[in-house]
Amino acid sequence: MLVQVQSAARIRSRLPEKSSLVYGYLYGQKRPFSGLSEGEARMPRTAGDFQLIERREEGRKTIYYVRFRGNDGELLPWRPTPGITSKTAARAWAQKEIKRGSVNSTRATFARYAEGWWTADHPYVQGRIARGHKLTATYLVVMRGHLENHVLPCFDDKRLAQITSRQIEDWILALRKKGLSPSTINHGLRCLKVMLKEATRHGIIARDPSAFITGLADHPVERGILTGAEIRKLFDEKSIGKVWTGDRMHYTMNLLAASTGMRMGEVQALSVRAVHENYVEVSQSWERRDGIKAGTKTGSGRLVPLPAYSARHLHELIASSPYQSFDDLVFYGQNRNTPITPRMILAGLYGGSRTDQDHPARARGTEYHVPLVETLPQHRVARCKGVRPSRAKSNRPPHSADDGAL
């Protein structure tokens, strides 16, 4: 039988760290090559399904490493067993991994590896959810879109193990030359980095070529911030007919967001049951693909106090609504269980501005909700808005919360 061998120096160069004593195994025969000259030290390279080596450092237990052979016949990178110190147990674990189908080929292309990624059934997604992370259907669709539109066109036919840092850098610059924004490119890069990191973690590739690749500097257009005078003009009750084209639902919805800091999905999911005399319960949100979802972006619900002015308009809107059961939505759309759409919300916010160039929202290009006041204690702002205290006042305008200001 012809047996191919390779030098100890070459073996050590492929191990995660140098060992003081390393053994190779061939059919159960232990052959030490630590301390021998390169000419004397040899480790068998068998035609079996895997190879085992033993690493033992001073003061530490022996750990076994395994090197599987892919289905194309090539040897995969070395990977540690999960703390196994017995040769017999290490062999049993390696055989079990092969039966589970966790051994992949180094010739696999990126397109093949990407099959099923960013879908609800993919092992990565299921693993993240099992560990308590929230991956919404919207997030998965967005990430799958970045994969299909930006990542796959460049890397689809490349072997996973041959993707280099230089190729990733060239890809980033090529996308920039095409006119894509830094934000879009960074999202695509994040998608690729997660996939390559996962491939490295599972031993499919020896190292992550994207580990030290950083994103582009992003300088988004600054969103306008309304002044106190503009807020009073926008929510002046006398101007509902002109600024809001007489639509009290849009007026009340934006007033609620302005005075509480609630997110759009939280406002959409607000039910009649959650509205109280002087506060609202924020315990659910609306996802375009999932519908009503229990919990909010930060996980837990919260009680948000209502200014008297906002509370009055909110209760008047509910009193005039055709849907007043506890589970009905306050800001309903096509029916009692479907809220008004984001596009319609924004159209309502900017609706009167097509003929009124002094419309404060359009003049400032402001976003959907007007943030809470700067003068409140940071921990109170964070509690009302459902964000971490460190983010409670980021890019927030200094305007008064006094009811009289409205």
Protein backbone atom coordinates (compact mmCIF):
# COMPACT_ATOMS: atom_id res chain seq x y z
CA MET A 1 0.00 0.00 0.00
CA LEU A 2 1.39 3.39 -1.02
CA VAL A 3 1.09 5.98 1.78
CA GLN A 4 1.65 9.69 1.16
CA VAL A 5 3.24 11.66 3.99
CA GLN A 6 3.88 15.30 4.76
CA SER A 7 6.39 17.05 6.98
CA ALA A 8 5.81 18.07 10.58
CA ALA A 9 6.54 21.69 9.70
CA ARG A 10 3.74 21.66 7.16
CA ILE A 11 1.34 20.06 9.65
CA ARG A 12 2.20 22.59 12.33
CA SER A 13 1.70 25.50 9.93
CA ARG A 14 -1.92 24.45 9.50
CA LEU A 15 -2.65 24.10 13.20
CA PRO A 16 -4.22 27.02 15.09
CA GLU A 17 -1.21 27.19 17.45
CA LYS A 18 2.13 25.44 17.85
CA SER A 19 2.10 22.55 20.25
CA SER A 20 4.83 21.28 22.51
CA LEU A 21 3.93 17.70 21.66
CA VAL A 22 1.85 16.52 18.71
CA TYR A 23 1.04 12.96 17.66
CA GLY A 24 -0.30 11.63 14.38
CA TYR A 25 -2.30 8.43 14.11
CA LEU A 26 -2.39 5.77 11.43
CA TYR A 27 -4.51 2.72 12.06
CA GLY A 28 -4.13 3.17 15.81
CA GLN A 29 -0.31 3.54 15.85
CA LYS A 30 0.88 6.61 17.72
CA ARG A 31 3.84 8.26 15.96
CA PRO A 32 5.40 11.27 17.70
CA PHE A 33 7.01 13.86 15.48
CA SER A 34 7.53 16.71 17.96
CA GLY A 35 11.22 17.33 18.60
CA LEU A 36 12.34 15.36 15.52
CA SER A 37 14.04 16.86 12.54
CA GLU A 38 11.93 17.74 9.52
CA GLY A 39 13.38 14.81 7.63
CA GLU A 40 12.57 12.35 10.39
CA ALA A 41 9.14 13.66 11.40
CA ARG A 42 6.40 12.35 9.18
CA MET A 43 2.65 12.18 9.53
CA PRO A 44 0.63 9.77 7.42
CA ARG A 45 -1.79 11.21 4.95
CA THR A 46 -4.27 8.42 4.57
CA ALA A 47 -7.08 7.99 2.12
CA GLY A 48 -9.56 7.71 5.01
CA ASP A 49 -12.41 10.04 5.82
CA PHE A 50 -10.50 11.99 8.46
CA GLN A 51 -7.21 12.43 10.31
CA LEU A 52 -6.66 12.92 14.04
CA ILE A 53 -3.84 14.65 15.85
CA GLU A 54 -3.21 15.17 19.53
CA ARG A 55 -2.21 18.51 20.98
CA ARG A 56 -0.78 18.66 24.46
CA GLU A 57 0.73 21.73 26.06
CA GLU A 58 2.40 21.96 29.43
CA GLY A 59 -0.09 22.32 32.25
CA ARG A 60 -3.05 21.67 29.96
CA LYS A 61 -5.09 18.68 28.96
CA THR A 62 -4.68 16.89 25.68
CA ILE A 63 -7.03 18.09 22.96
CA TYR A 64 -7.69 16.26 19.72
CA TYR A 65 -7.96 18.00 16.36
CA VAL A 66 -9.61 16.47 13.33
CA ARG A 67 -9.15 17.05 9.64
CA PHE A 68 -11.96 15.77 7.47
CA ARG A 69 -11.79 14.85 3.82
CA GLY A 70 -14.41 16.60 1.74
CA ASN A 71 -16.67 14.80 -0.70
CA ASP A 72 -14.34 15.95 -3.49
CA GLY A 73 -11.41 14.12 -1.89
CA GLU A 74 -9.59 17.22 -0.66
CA LEU A 75 -8.58 17.65 2.97
CA LEU A 76 -10.42 20.36 4.88
CA PRO A 77 -8.78 22.68 7.46
CA TRP A 78 -7.96 21.38 10.91
CA ARG A 79 -10.68 21.94 13.49
CA PRO A 80 -10.75 21.16 17.22
CA THR A 81 -13.01 18.54 18.70
CA PRO A 82 -15.34 19.89 21.40
CA GLY A 83 -12.93 19.40 24.30
CA ILE A 84 -12.47 15.66 23.68
CA THR A 85 -9.37 14.20 25.38
CA SER A 86 -9.85 10.54 24.45
CA LYS A 87 -8.68 9.14 21.13
CA THR A 88 -11.59 6.71 20.96
CA ALA A 89 -14.11 9.43 21.75
CA ALA A 90 -12.51 11.73 19.16
CA ARG A 91 -12.86 9.04 16.48
CA ALA A 92 -16.49 8.47 17.44
CA TRP A 93 -17.22 12.20 17.29
CA ALA A 94 -15.58 12.52 13.85
CA GLN A 95 -17.60 9.61 12.48
CA LYS A 96 -20.76 11.13 13.89
CA GLU A 97 -20.01 14.46 12.21
CA ILE A 98 -19.61 12.68 8.88
CA LYS A 99 -22.94 10.89 9.29
CA ARG A 100 -24.61 14.20 10.14
CA GLY A 101 -23.43 15.62 6.82
CA SER A 102 -21.54 18.50 8.43
CA VAL A 103 -18.42 17.84 6.35
CA ASN A 104 -18.41 20.00 3.24
CA SER A 105 -16.29 20.18 0.14
CA THR A 106 -13.61 22.82 -0.33
CA ARG A 107 -14.65 22.99 -3.98
CA ALA A 108 -18.11 24.28 -3.12
CA THR A 109 -18.87 27.57 -4.83
CA PHE A 110 -20.24 30.56 -3.01
CA ALA A 111 -23.52 30.23 -4.93
CA ARG A 112 -23.97 26.69 -3.64
CA TYR A 113 -23.10 27.74 -0.11
CA ALA A 114 -25.57 30.63 -0.34
CA GLU A 115 -28.53 28.35 -1.13
CA GLY A 116 -31.19 28.82 1.52
CA TRP A 117 -29.34 31.59 3.31
CA TRP A 118 -31.46 34.33 4.93
CA THR A 119 -34.59 32.20 4.97
CA ALA A 120 -36.54 31.06 8.01
CA ASP A 121 -35.43 27.43 7.60
CA HIS A 122 -31.70 28.08 7.37
CA PRO A 123 -29.63 26.70 10.29
CA TYR A 124 -28.02 30.10 10.92
CA VAL A 125 -31.40 31.81 11.29
CA GLN A 126 -32.80 29.06 13.48
CA GLY A 127 -29.68 29.14 15.64
CA ARG A 128 -29.90 32.89 16.16
CA ILE A 129 -33.56 32.71 17.08
CA ALA A 130 -32.91 29.83 19.48
CA ARG A 131 -30.35 32.04 21.22
CA GLY A 132 -32.86 34.80 21.77
CA HIS A 133 -32.12 37.07 18.82
CA LYS A 134 -34.97 38.65 16.85
CA LEU A 135 -34.78 38.11 13.10
CA THR A 136 -38.00 39.39 11.60
CA ALA A 137 -39.36 38.34 8.23
CA THR A 138 -38.70 41.86 6.96
CA TYR A 139 -35.05 41.67 8.02
CA LEU A 140 -34.60 38.31 6.27
CA VAL A 141 -36.15 39.61 3.05
CA VAL A 142 -33.88 42.67 3.11
CA MET A 143 -30.75 40.58 3.71
CA ARG A 144 -31.74 38.10 1.01
CA GLY A 145 -32.18 41.06 -1.32
CA HIS A 146 -28.64 42.28 -0.60
CA LEU A 147 -27.35 38.77 -1.21
CA GLU A 148 -29.09 38.34 -4.55
CA ASN A 149 -28.63 41.89 -5.87
CA HIS A 150 -25.12 42.75 -4.75
CA VAL A 151 -23.16 39.78 -3.37
CA LEU A 152 -24.00 36.85 -5.64
CA PRO A 153 -23.35 38.69 -8.95
CA CYS A 154 -19.71 39.00 -7.93
CA PHE A 155 -18.98 35.83 -5.93
CA ASP A 156 -21.45 33.24 -7.25
CA ASP A 157 -18.99 31.10 -9.25
CA LYS A 158 -15.99 31.53 -6.95
CA ARG A 159 -14.89 28.66 -4.74
CA LEU A 160 -15.65 29.52 -1.15
CA ALA A 161 -12.14 28.68 0.01
CA GLN A 162 -10.55 30.91 -2.66
CA ILE A 163 -12.33 34.19 -1.88
CA THR A 164 -9.68 36.70 -0.81
CA SER A 165 -9.65 39.99 1.03
CA ARG A 166 -8.43 41.68 -2.14
CA GLN A 167 -11.46 40.42 -4.07
CA ILE A 168 -13.80 41.77 -1.40
CA GLU A 169 -12.08 45.17 -1.48
CA ASP A 170 -12.35 45.28 -5.28
CA TRP A 171 -16.04 44.35 -5.03
CA ILE A 172 -16.71 47.21 -2.61
CA LEU A 173 -14.99 49.74 -4.86
CA ALA A 174 -16.81 48.40 -7.94
CA LEU A 175 -20.18 48.88 -6.25
CA ARG A 176 -19.20 52.43 -5.33
CA LYS A 177 -18.26 53.20 -8.95
CA LYS A 178 -21.71 51.96 -9.99
CA GLY A 179 -23.22 54.72 -7.89
CA LEU A 180 -24.47 52.69 -4.92
CA SER A 181 -24.60 54.59 -1.66
CA PRO A 182 -22.17 53.76 1.16
CA SER A 183 -25.13 52.65 3.26
CA THR A 184 -26.26 50.10 0.66
CA ILE A 185 -22.72 48.82 0.17
CA ASN A 186 -22.21 48.46 3.92
CA HIS A 187 -25.40 46.42 4.21
CA GLY A 188 -24.18 44.13 1.44
CA LEU A 189 -20.80 43.82 3.14
CA ARG A 190 -22.47 42.96 6.43
CA CYS A 191 -24.42 40.22 4.66
CA LEU A 192 -21.22 38.76 3.20
CA LYS A 193 -19.27 39.02 6.47
CA VAL A 194 -21.93 37.09 8.40
CA MET A 195 -21.90 34.29 5.83
CA LEU A 196 -18.11 33.99 5.67
CA LYS A 197 -17.78 34.12 9.45
CA GLU A 198 -20.28 31.29 9.71
CA ALA A 199 -18.36 29.28 7.12
CA THR A 200 -15.19 29.74 9.17
CA ARG A 201 -16.93 28.80 12.41
CA HIS A 202 -18.07 25.50 10.90
CA GLY A 203 -14.64 24.69 9.46
CA ILE A 204 -15.71 25.01 5.82
CA ILE A 205 -12.91 27.52 5.21
CA ALA A 206 -9.71 27.91 7.20
CA ARG A 207 -9.98 31.65 7.76
CA ASP A 208 -12.42 34.49 7.20
CA PRO A 209 -11.17 36.74 4.34
CA SER A 210 -13.59 39.50 5.39
CA ALA A 211 -12.52 39.61 9.05
CA PHE A 212 -10.50 42.82 8.69
CA ILE A 213 -12.57 44.48 5.95
CA THR A 214 -14.28 47.65 7.15
CA GLY A 215 -17.25 49.46 5.68
CA LEU A 216 -17.33 52.77 3.87
CA ALA A 217 -17.76 56.06 5.64
CA ASP A 218 -21.43 56.94 5.49
CA HIS A 219 -22.56 60.57 5.48
CA PRO A 220 -26.35 60.45 5.15
CA VAL A 221 -28.32 63.55 4.35
CA GLU A 222 -29.21 65.17 7.62
CA ARG A 223 -32.90 65.04 8.37
CA GLY A 224 -34.56 68.31 9.18
CA ILE A 225 -35.56 69.07 12.76
CA LEU A 226 -38.69 71.08 13.48
CA THR A 227 -38.44 74.11 15.70
CA GLY A 228 -40.94 74.84 18.45
CA ALA A 229 -42.66 77.44 16.23
CA GLU A 230 -42.93 74.95 13.35
CA ILE A 231 -44.38 72.29 15.64
CA ARG A 232 -47.05 74.71 16.87
CA LYS A 233 -47.88 75.56 13.27
CA LEU A 234 -47.99 71.93 12.17
CA PHE A 235 -50.31 70.88 15.01
CA ASP A 236 -52.35 74.05 15.35
CA GLU A 237 -55.95 72.87 15.65
CA LYS A 238 -57.12 75.78 13.51
CA SER A 239 -54.97 74.65 10.59
CA ILE A 240 -56.23 71.06 10.35
CA GLY A 241 -58.23 71.94 7.27
CA LYS A 242 -55.30 73.57 5.47
CA VAL A 243 -52.21 71.69 6.61
CA TRP A 244 -53.84 68.27 7.09
CA THR A 245 -56.56 68.65 4.43
CA GLY A 246 -59.14 68.05 7.15
CA ASP A 247 -57.96 64.50 7.90
CA ARG A 248 -58.15 64.09 11.68
CA MET A 249 -56.77 60.54 11.61
CA HIS A 250 -53.48 61.68 10.08
CA TYR A 251 -53.41 64.71 12.34
CA THR A 252 -53.93 62.61 15.50
CA MET A 253 -51.51 59.91 14.42
CA ASN A 254 -48.67 62.36 13.87
CA LEU A 255 -49.57 64.27 17.01
CA LEU A 256 -49.33 61.03 18.99
CA ALA A 257 -45.93 60.20 17.49
CA ALA A 258 -44.69 63.75 18.11
CA SER A 259 -45.68 63.81 21.77
CA THR A 260 -44.68 60.25 22.72
CA GLY A 261 -41.80 59.24 20.42
CA MET A 262 -43.63 56.04 19.40
CA ARG A 263 -42.31 54.27 16.33
CA MET A 264 -44.42 53.99 13.21
CA GLY A 265 -45.05 50.25 13.68
CA GLU A 266 -46.08 50.87 17.30
CA VAL A 267 -48.55 53.57 16.27
CA GLN A 268 -49.96 51.34 13.54
CA ALA A 269 -50.50 48.49 16.02
CA LEU A 270 -52.16 50.64 18.70
CA SER A 271 -55.47 49.05 19.70
CA VAL A 272 -58.47 50.61 21.44
CA ARG A 273 -57.71 48.48 24.49
CA ALA A 274 -54.26 50.08 24.85
CA VAL A 275 -55.58 53.65 25.07
CA HIS A 276 -56.30 54.90 28.60
CA GLU A 277 -57.32 58.26 29.97
CA ASN A 278 -53.87 59.79 30.18
CA TYR A 279 -51.49 57.11 28.90
CA VAL A 280 -51.15 54.35 26.28
CA GLU A 281 -49.77 50.82 26.54
CA VAL A 282 -47.14 50.06 23.92
CA SER A 283 -46.89 46.27 23.84
CA GLN A 284 -47.02 45.32 20.16
CA SER A 285 -45.94 46.51 16.73
CA TRP A 286 -46.95 46.05 13.12
CA GLU A 287 -44.69 44.32 10.60
CA ARG A 288 -45.56 44.60 6.93
CA ARG A 289 -44.94 40.89 6.37
CA ASP A 290 -45.85 39.46 9.75
CA GLY A 291 -48.73 41.68 10.80
CA ILE A 292 -49.25 42.26 14.51
CA LYS A 293 -46.30 41.08 16.59
CA ALA A 294 -46.21 40.94 20.35
CA GLY A 295 -43.44 43.04 21.86
CA THR A 296 -41.55 46.02 20.49
CA LYS A 297 -38.18 46.60 18.86
CA THR A 298 -36.46 46.54 22.24
CA GLY A 299 -38.43 43.51 23.41
CA SER A 300 -40.41 44.71 26.40
CA GLY A 301 -43.54 46.84 26.40
CA ARG A 302 -43.93 50.16 28.18
CA LEU A 303 -46.48 52.67 29.45
CA VAL A 304 -46.26 56.06 27.76
CA PRO A 305 -47.89 59.15 29.33
CA LEU A 306 -50.09 61.31 27.10
CA PRO A 307 -50.15 65.10 27.18
CA ALA A 308 -53.70 66.37 27.75
CA TYR A 309 -53.88 67.87 24.26
CA SER A 310 -52.86 64.62 22.58
CA ALA A 311 -55.11 62.53 24.84
CA ARG A 312 -58.16 64.63 23.95
CA HIS A 313 -57.68 64.25 20.19
CA LEU A 314 -56.95 60.52 20.52
CA HIS A 315 -60.14 59.85 22.51
CA GLU A 316 -62.20 61.98 20.09
CA LEU A 317 -60.86 59.96 17.15
CA ILE A 318 -61.80 56.66 18.82
CA ALA A 319 -65.28 57.99 19.67
CA SER A 320 -65.90 58.82 16.00
CA SER A 321 -64.44 55.53 14.66
CA PRO A 322 -66.67 52.76 13.24
CA TYR A 323 -64.41 50.25 15.03
CA GLN A 324 -64.55 50.54 18.81
CA SER A 325 -64.07 46.99 20.09
CA PHE A 326 -61.11 46.50 22.40
CA ASP A 327 -59.07 44.61 19.80
CA ASP A 328 -59.79 47.01 16.94
CA LEU A 329 -56.98 49.20 15.65
CA VAL A 330 -57.21 52.91 16.36
CA PHE A 331 -55.58 53.89 13.06
CA TYR A 332 -57.32 51.38 10.82
CA GLY A 333 -56.86 50.99 7.09
CA GLN A 334 -58.90 48.70 4.84
CA ASN A 335 -60.51 47.02 7.84
CA ARG A 336 -60.46 46.92 11.63
CA ASN A 337 -57.49 44.51 11.72
CA THR A 338 -55.27 46.19 9.13
CA PRO A 339 -53.63 49.55 9.88
CA ILE A 340 -53.11 52.44 7.55
CA THR A 341 -50.02 51.83 5.40
CA PRO A 342 -46.67 53.64 5.83
CA ARG A 343 -47.02 55.17 2.38
CA MET A 344 -50.38 56.64 3.28
CA ILE A 345 -49.01 57.88 6.61
CA LEU A 346 -46.22 59.79 4.91
CA ALA A 347 -48.61 61.05 2.23
CA GLY A 348 -50.83 62.36 5.01
CA LEU A 349 -47.90 64.09 6.68
CA TYR A 350 -46.86 65.83 3.47
CA GLY A 351 -50.32 65.98 1.92
CA GLY A 352 -50.99 69.68 2.26
CA SER A 353 -47.46 70.66 1.32
CA ARG A 354 -47.98 70.27 -2.42
CA THR A 355 -49.77 73.60 -2.48
CA ASP A 356 -48.31 75.06 0.70
CA GLN A 357 -44.56 75.63 0.37
CA ASP A 358 -44.47 76.83 3.97
CA HIS A 359 -45.65 73.45 5.23
CA PRO A 360 -43.17 72.87 8.11
CA ALA A 361 -42.72 69.14 7.53
CA ARG A 362 -41.85 69.51 3.85
CA ALA A 363 -39.75 72.60 4.41
CA ARG A 364 -37.61 70.69 6.90
CA GLY A 365 -37.76 67.27 5.21
CA THR A 366 -38.43 65.87 8.64
CA GLU A 367 -38.97 62.19 9.35
CA TYR A 368 -42.22 60.60 10.49
CA HIS A 369 -42.17 61.24 14.22
CA VAL A 370 -41.03 64.36 16.05
CA PRO A 371 -38.78 63.34 18.96
CA LEU A 372 -39.47 63.90 22.63
CA VAL A 373 -38.19 66.96 24.43
CA GLU A 374 -34.55 67.61 25.21
CA THR A 375 -35.27 69.10 28.62
CA LEU A 376 -36.60 65.85 30.17
CA PRO A 377 -34.23 63.58 32.15
CA GLN A 378 -32.55 61.09 29.86
CA HIS A 379 -33.83 58.00 31.66
CA ARG A 380 -37.44 59.23 31.36
CA VAL A 381 -37.08 59.91 27.65
CA ALA A 382 -35.57 56.44 27.15
CA ARG A 383 -38.39 54.77 29.09
CA CYS A 384 -41.10 56.52 27.06
CA LYS A 385 -39.46 55.90 23.71
CA GLY A 386 -38.38 52.33 24.42
CA VAL A 387 -34.69 52.87 23.68
CA ARG A 388 -31.47 52.57 25.65
CA PRO A 389 -30.63 55.66 27.75
CA SER A 390 -27.49 56.27 25.69
CA ARG A 391 -29.67 56.72 22.58
CA ALA A 392 -32.52 58.64 24.15
CA LYS A 393 -31.34 62.06 23.00
CA SER A 394 -29.22 61.38 19.97
CA ASN A 395 -29.92 63.99 17.28
CA ARG A 396 -32.93 65.22 19.17
CA PRO A 397 -34.32 68.75 18.89
CA PRO A 398 -34.68 71.14 21.84
CA HIS A 399 -38.37 72.00 21.96
CA SER A 400 -40.89 72.36 24.73
CA ALA A 401 -43.21 69.62 25.96
CA ASP A 402 -45.61 72.01 27.55
CA ASP A 403 -49.18 71.34 26.37
CA GLY A 404 -49.58 75.01 25.78
CA ALA A 405 -46.88 74.88 23.13
CA LEU A 406 -49.30 72.97 20.95
